[in-house]
Each structure stands twice: as C-alpha cells, then as structure tokens.
Amino acid sequence: MKSVINWFEIPVADMDRAIKFYESVMQVALRREKRAEAALAICPHEDPA
C-alpha cells in the first residue's frame, strides 16, 4: 500500500505562509491551484493506474 490518505483539508488564513510551512515540514513541493470557491495547495501524488 503506497498511499493511505486520499483527501484532507486544512483551512488557513495565509495561504503563502501555510504553503511555505508545509513544504518545509514535509520536504515536498506543493502544487497551487485556484478554483472559483477556493485556493488549494496539492501534495505530489501518482495518478492511479
């Protein structure tokens, strides 16, 4: 089993600050996305086969 977590959300007041923090803690580059209802930062993942 490679990945267990499918989806989670962490509300933040300062997206840039949160991204910098989580990239540092998890040692990954998060992908930013802007949707009509929210700004998102997505963890790296592999698409299912």
N, C-alpha and C. Protein backbone atom coordinates (compact mmCIF):
# COMPACT_ATOMS: atom_id res chain seq x y z
N MET A 1 0.86 -1.16 0.00
CA MET A 1 0.00 0.00 0.00
C MET A 1 0.91 1.23 0.00
N LYS A 2 0.92 1.98 -1.10
CA LYS A 2 1.77 3.16 -1.22
C LYS A 2 1.17 4.37 -0.53
N SER A 3 -0.07 4.64 -0.78
CA SER A 3 -0.72 5.83 -0.24
C SER A 3 -1.97 5.45 0.52
N VAL A 4 -2.13 6.01 1.69
CA VAL A 4 -3.30 5.70 2.51
C VAL A 4 -4.28 6.86 2.50
N ILE A 5 -3.76 8.10 2.67
CA ILE A 5 -4.63 9.26 2.73
C ILE A 5 -5.08 9.64 1.33
N ASN A 6 -6.38 9.84 1.16
CA ASN A 6 -6.93 10.19 -0.13
C ASN A 6 -7.17 11.69 -0.25
N TRP A 7 -7.68 12.31 0.81
CA TRP A 7 -8.02 13.74 0.75
C TRP A 7 -8.08 14.29 2.16
N PHE A 8 -7.52 15.46 2.36
CA PHE A 8 -7.69 16.16 3.63
C PHE A 8 -7.62 17.65 3.38
N GLU A 9 -8.23 18.41 4.24
CA GLU A 9 -8.26 19.86 4.12
C GLU A 9 -7.80 20.49 5.43
N ILE A 10 -6.98 21.53 5.30
CA ILE A 10 -6.54 22.29 6.46
C ILE A 10 -6.82 23.76 6.15
N PRO A 11 -7.85 24.33 6.74
CA PRO A 11 -8.15 25.74 6.48
C PRO A 11 -7.01 26.64 6.99
N VAL A 12 -6.66 27.65 6.22
CA VAL A 12 -5.60 28.58 6.61
C VAL A 12 -6.03 30.02 6.31
N ALA A 13 -5.47 30.94 7.06
CA ALA A 13 -5.75 32.36 6.83
C ALA A 13 -4.75 32.97 5.84
N ASP A 14 -3.54 32.43 5.79
CA ASP A 14 -2.47 32.95 4.93
C ASP A 14 -1.91 31.79 4.10
N MET A 15 -2.41 31.64 2.86
CA MET A 15 -2.03 30.50 2.02
C MET A 15 -0.53 30.46 1.73
N ASP A 16 0.07 31.59 1.41
CA ASP A 16 1.51 31.60 1.11
C ASP A 16 2.34 31.13 2.30
N ARG A 17 1.99 31.60 3.47
CA ARG A 17 2.69 31.20 4.69
C ARG A 17 2.50 29.72 4.97
N ALA A 18 1.28 29.24 4.80
CA ALA A 18 0.97 27.83 5.05
C ALA A 18 1.73 26.93 4.07
N ILE A 19 1.76 27.31 2.80
CA ILE A 19 2.48 26.51 1.80
C ILE A 19 3.96 26.45 2.15
N LYS A 20 4.54 27.56 2.49
CA LYS A 20 5.96 27.59 2.86
C LYS A 20 6.21 26.66 4.06
N PHE A 21 5.34 26.73 5.07
CA PHE A 21 5.48 25.89 6.25
C PHE A 21 5.37 24.40 5.89
N TYR A 22 4.31 24.00 5.18
CA TYR A 22 4.10 22.58 4.89
C TYR A 22 5.14 22.04 3.91
N GLU A 23 5.61 22.85 2.98
CA GLU A 23 6.69 22.39 2.10
C GLU A 23 7.95 22.12 2.91
N SER A 24 8.22 22.96 3.88
CA SER A 24 9.39 22.78 4.74
C SER A 24 9.25 21.53 5.62
N VAL A 25 8.10 21.39 6.26
CA VAL A 25 7.88 20.26 7.17
C VAL A 25 7.86 18.92 6.42
N MET A 26 7.18 18.88 5.28
CA MET A 26 7.02 17.61 4.54
C MET A 26 8.12 17.38 3.50
N GLN A 27 8.96 18.41 3.25
CA GLN A 27 10.04 18.30 2.28
C GLN A 27 9.52 17.90 0.88
N VAL A 28 8.43 18.57 0.47
CA VAL A 28 7.84 18.37 -0.86
C VAL A 28 7.45 19.73 -1.43
N ALA A 29 7.29 19.78 -2.74
CA ALA A 29 6.77 20.99 -3.39
C ALA A 29 5.27 20.81 -3.59
N LEU A 30 4.49 21.72 -3.06
CA LEU A 30 3.04 21.66 -3.22
C LEU A 30 2.64 22.36 -4.52
N ARG A 31 1.64 21.82 -5.19
CA ARG A 31 1.13 22.42 -6.43
C ARG A 31 -0.04 23.33 -6.09
N ARG A 32 0.05 24.58 -6.49
CA ARG A 32 -1.02 25.54 -6.23
C ARG A 32 -2.09 25.43 -7.31
N GLU A 33 -3.33 25.53 -6.87
CA GLU A 33 -4.47 25.58 -7.79
C GLU A 33 -5.43 26.65 -7.30
N LYS A 34 -6.04 27.32 -8.23
CA LYS A 34 -7.05 28.33 -7.89
C LYS A 34 -8.37 27.86 -8.49
N ARG A 35 -9.36 27.70 -7.65
CA ARG A 35 -10.70 27.32 -8.11
C ARG A 35 -11.65 28.46 -7.74
N ALA A 36 -12.80 28.46 -8.31
CA ALA A 36 -13.76 29.54 -8.06
C ALA A 36 -14.07 29.69 -6.57
N GLU A 37 -14.17 28.57 -5.88
CA GLU A 37 -14.57 28.62 -4.47
C GLU A 37 -13.39 28.68 -3.51
N ALA A 38 -12.16 28.38 -3.96
CA ALA A 38 -11.04 28.35 -3.02
C ALA A 38 -9.70 28.27 -3.72
N ALA A 39 -8.68 28.64 -2.99
CA ALA A 39 -7.30 28.41 -3.43
C ALA A 39 -6.85 27.10 -2.77
N LEU A 40 -6.11 26.28 -3.49
CA LEU A 40 -5.68 24.99 -2.98
C LEU A 40 -4.18 24.83 -3.12
N ALA A 41 -3.62 23.98 -2.28
CA ALA A 41 -2.24 23.52 -2.43
C ALA A 41 -2.31 22.00 -2.38
N ILE A 42 -1.82 21.36 -3.42
CA ILE A 42 -1.98 19.92 -3.56
C ILE A 42 -0.64 19.23 -3.40
N CYS A 43 -0.64 18.18 -2.57
CA CYS A 43 0.57 17.38 -2.36
C CYS A 43 0.88 16.57 -3.62
N PRO A 44 2.15 16.28 -3.86
CA PRO A 44 2.50 15.44 -5.01
C PRO A 44 1.85 14.06 -4.86
N HIS A 45 1.44 13.50 -5.98
CA HIS A 45 0.82 12.18 -5.95
C HIS A 45 0.95 11.53 -7.32
N GLU A 46 0.77 10.23 -7.34
CA GLU A 46 0.75 9.48 -8.60
C GLU A 46 -0.69 9.24 -8.98
N ASP A 47 -0.99 9.40 -10.26
CA ASP A 47 -2.34 9.10 -10.73
C ASP A 47 -2.55 7.59 -10.68
N PRO A 48 -3.74 7.16 -10.30
CA PRO A 48 -4.00 5.71 -10.26
C PRO A 48 -3.91 5.10 -11.65
N ALA A 49 -3.50 3.85 -11.69
CA ALA A 49 -3.35 3.14 -12.98
C ALA A 49 -4.69 2.84 -13.60
